[in-house]
Amino acid sequence: MQNHRFALCIKNEDCDDLEKRKIYQALSDEEAEKEGYIRVIDESGEDYLYPQSYFVIVPLPPEAQEALQLSE
């Protein structure tokens, strides 16, 4: 199984597509991360960039990753 990153939303100022205290799948985007952003699959089901300060990366066991995974 491929290892994925997940992020806990801790802030959602002016973002209707993010829910605080919810875990989102984070996608790799090195360029965005250099600029202080993180790419996540939000409530719309699409991936968008948000400020890194809105999230905390959380380690999850493989079973939880599989249950939360939205895309390959």
Protein backbone atom coordinates (compact mmCIF):
# COMPACT_ATOMS: atom_id res chain seq x y z
CA MET A 1 0.00 0.00 0.00
CA GLN A 2 1.25 3.46 -0.89
CA ASN A 3 1.88 5.79 2.07
CA HIS A 4 -0.17 8.99 1.95
CA ARG A 5 -0.08 12.21 3.94
CA PHE A 6 -3.09 13.50 5.80
CA ALA A 7 -3.67 16.91 7.32
CA LEU A 8 -5.93 18.02 10.15
CA CYS A 9 -7.68 21.33 9.45
CA ILE A 10 -7.14 23.71 12.39
CA LYS A 11 -8.28 26.94 10.69
CA ASN A 12 -10.66 27.72 7.82
CA GLU A 13 -10.90 31.52 7.53
CA ASP A 14 -13.12 32.44 4.55
CA CYS A 15 -12.96 28.86 3.20
CA ASP A 16 -16.36 27.24 2.66
CA ASP A 17 -14.72 24.06 1.37
CA LEU A 18 -12.82 23.28 4.61
CA GLU A 19 -14.17 22.06 7.93
CA LYS A 20 -12.22 22.62 11.14
CA ARG A 21 -11.24 19.43 12.99
CA LYS A 22 -11.57 17.33 9.82
CA ILE A 23 -8.78 15.26 8.25
CA TYR A 24 -8.01 15.82 4.57
CA GLN A 25 -5.76 13.97 2.15
CA ALA A 26 -2.69 16.09 1.35
CA LEU A 27 -1.07 15.82 -2.06
CA SER A 28 2.60 16.37 -2.78
CA ASP A 29 3.35 19.79 -4.29
CA GLU A 30 6.93 20.88 -3.58
CA GLU A 31 6.58 24.24 -5.35
CA ALA A 32 3.49 25.16 -3.34
CA GLU A 33 5.13 24.10 -0.09
CA LYS A 34 8.11 26.37 -0.80
CA GLU A 35 5.60 29.25 -0.98
CA GLY A 36 3.89 28.28 2.30
CA TYR A 37 0.92 26.39 0.85
CA ILE A 38 -0.38 22.84 1.04
CA ARG A 39 -2.47 21.04 -1.59
CA VAL A 40 -5.42 19.13 -0.13
CA ILE A 41 -8.53 17.46 -1.46
CA ASP A 42 -11.26 19.60 0.11
CA GLU A 43 -15.03 19.23 0.53
CA SER A 44 -15.58 19.88 -3.19
CA GLY A 45 -13.67 16.67 -3.94
CA GLU A 46 -11.03 18.62 -5.88
CA ASP A 47 -7.49 19.49 -4.83
CA TYR A 48 -6.71 23.12 -4.02
CA LEU A 49 -3.94 25.11 -2.38
CA TYR A 50 -4.44 26.48 1.12
CA PRO A 51 -2.07 28.17 3.58
CA GLN A 52 0.00 25.62 5.51
CA SER A 53 -1.04 27.40 8.71
CA TYR A 54 -4.55 26.00 8.21
CA PHE A 55 -3.32 22.42 8.74
CA VAL A 56 -1.23 20.09 10.86
CA ILE A 57 0.16 16.96 9.16
CA VAL A 58 -0.95 13.91 11.15
CA PRO A 59 0.56 10.41 11.01
CA LEU A 60 -2.09 7.73 10.58
CA PRO A 61 -1.88 3.94 10.69
CA PRO A 62 -2.34 2.14 7.33
CA GLU A 63 -5.92 1.10 8.19
CA ALA A 64 -6.95 4.72 8.79
CA GLN A 65 -5.17 5.87 5.62
CA GLU A 66 -7.08 3.31 3.58
CA ALA A 67 -10.41 4.38 5.09
CA LEU A 68 -9.75 8.09 4.40
CA GLN A 69 -8.13 7.78 0.97
CA LEU A 70 -10.03 9.62 -1.77
CA SER A 71 -7.71 9.28 -4.76
CA GLU A 72 -4.67 7.36 -5.90
